[in-house]
Amino acid sequence: MLDNLSSSAVPNLKEHLEKGVIEFLRGDIRDFEIVNRSMRDADIVFHEAAQVSAPLSIEDPAHTDDVNVKGTLRRRVSLTNLTRVTTN
């Protein structure tokens, strides 16, 4: 799990971390290197990173675009780099 904890905290993950259900890596979806590292051994990727606050999107639309659009693009590029698909 990659999360920058902008709207959460590690104690919220405590039970899952103790059970070994998840691995946690603190980082940001906009950081290409950490996205690559977090996806390196992943079998499945659920992309749920987003800046979802309407007031913040009005106050700082560039930040919202950076997280929601460019962050998604960085994750997509990382996935493409890790997965090679042939259509033959």
Protein backbone atom coordinates (compact mmCIF):
# COMPACT_ATOMS: atom_id res chain seq x y z
CA MET A 1 0.00 0.00 0.00
CA LEU A 2 1.37 3.35 -1.06
CA ASP A 3 -0.13 6.33 0.75
CA ASN A 4 1.05 9.84 1.58
CA LEU A 5 -1.24 9.90 4.65
CA SER A 6 -2.72 13.26 3.65
CA SER A 7 -6.13 12.13 4.89
CA SER A 8 -5.23 9.14 7.06
CA ALA A 9 -2.72 7.93 9.62
CA VAL A 10 -0.66 4.81 10.31
CA PRO A 11 -2.74 3.87 13.40
CA ASN A 12 -5.70 3.37 11.04
CA LEU A 13 -3.68 0.62 9.35
CA LYS A 14 -2.36 -0.99 12.55
CA GLU A 15 -4.54 -4.10 12.50
CA HIS A 16 -3.75 -4.88 8.86
CA LEU A 17 -0.03 -4.24 9.34
CA GLU A 18 0.12 -6.49 12.42
CA LYS A 19 -1.64 -9.32 10.58
CA GLY A 20 0.70 -8.94 7.62
CA VAL A 21 -2.25 -8.38 5.30
CA ILE A 22 -0.63 -5.33 3.73
CA GLU A 23 2.80 -3.85 3.26
CA PHE A 24 2.88 -0.10 3.76
CA LEU A 25 5.09 2.40 1.96
CA ARG A 26 4.69 6.06 2.75
CA GLY A 27 4.92 8.13 -0.39
CA ASP A 28 3.08 10.13 -2.99
CA ILE A 29 1.46 8.99 -6.24
CA ARG A 30 3.27 11.88 -7.93
CA ASP A 31 6.71 10.49 -7.04
CA PHE A 32 7.62 8.32 -10.04
CA GLU A 33 10.42 6.44 -8.26
CA ILE A 34 8.33 5.46 -5.24
CA VAL A 35 5.43 4.44 -7.48
CA ASN A 36 7.81 2.18 -9.41
CA ARG A 37 9.18 0.72 -6.18
CA SER A 38 5.73 0.12 -4.73
CA MET A 39 4.53 -1.74 -7.83
CA ARG A 40 7.68 -3.79 -8.47
CA ASP A 41 6.46 -7.06 -6.89
CA ALA A 42 2.73 -6.40 -7.03
CA ASP A 43 0.39 -8.99 -8.48
CA ILE A 44 -2.58 -6.62 -8.43
CA VAL A 45 -2.76 -2.82 -8.42
CA PHE A 46 -5.78 -0.89 -7.18
CA HIS A 47 -5.33 2.79 -7.93
CA GLU A 48 -7.37 4.81 -5.45
CA ALA A 49 -5.11 7.81 -4.95
CA ALA A 50 -6.92 11.09 -5.43
CA GLN A 51 -7.43 14.54 -4.08
CA VAL A 52 -11.20 14.40 -3.54
CA SER A 53 -11.89 17.58 -1.59
CA ALA A 54 -14.16 19.88 -3.61
CA PRO A 55 -13.21 22.99 -1.59
CA LEU A 56 -9.49 22.23 -2.04
CA SER A 57 -9.99 21.64 -5.78
CA ILE A 58 -11.50 25.13 -6.07
CA GLU A 59 -8.84 26.69 -3.86
CA ASP A 60 -5.92 24.96 -5.59
CA PRO A 61 -6.93 23.44 -8.94
CA ALA A 62 -3.30 22.95 -10.02
CA HIS A 63 -2.66 20.69 -7.02
CA THR A 64 -5.84 18.72 -7.75
CA ASP A 65 -4.79 18.28 -11.37
CA ASP A 66 -1.28 17.26 -10.34
CA VAL A 67 -2.56 14.55 -7.97
CA ASN A 68 -5.56 13.28 -9.91
CA VAL A 69 -4.38 13.50 -13.51
CA LYS A 70 -0.60 13.50 -13.45
CA GLY A 71 -0.45 11.06 -10.53
CA THR A 72 -2.63 8.65 -12.47
CA LEU A 73 -0.41 9.06 -15.53
CA ARG A 74 2.73 8.30 -13.50
CA ARG A 75 1.12 5.15 -12.12
CA ARG A 76 0.09 4.12 -15.64
CA VAL A 77 3.61 4.68 -16.99
CA SER A 78 5.04 2.62 -14.10
CA LEU A 79 2.63 -0.20 -14.83
CA THR A 80 3.51 -0.10 -18.52
CA ASN A 81 7.20 -0.28 -17.66
CA LEU A 82 6.62 -3.33 -15.47
CA THR A 83 4.22 -5.20 -17.74
CA ARG A 84 4.93 -6.17 -21.29
CA VAL A 85 1.90 -7.34 -23.24
CA THR A 86 2.02 -8.92 -26.66
CA THR A 87 -0.93 -9.10 -29.02
CA ASN A 88 0.47 -11.80 -31.30
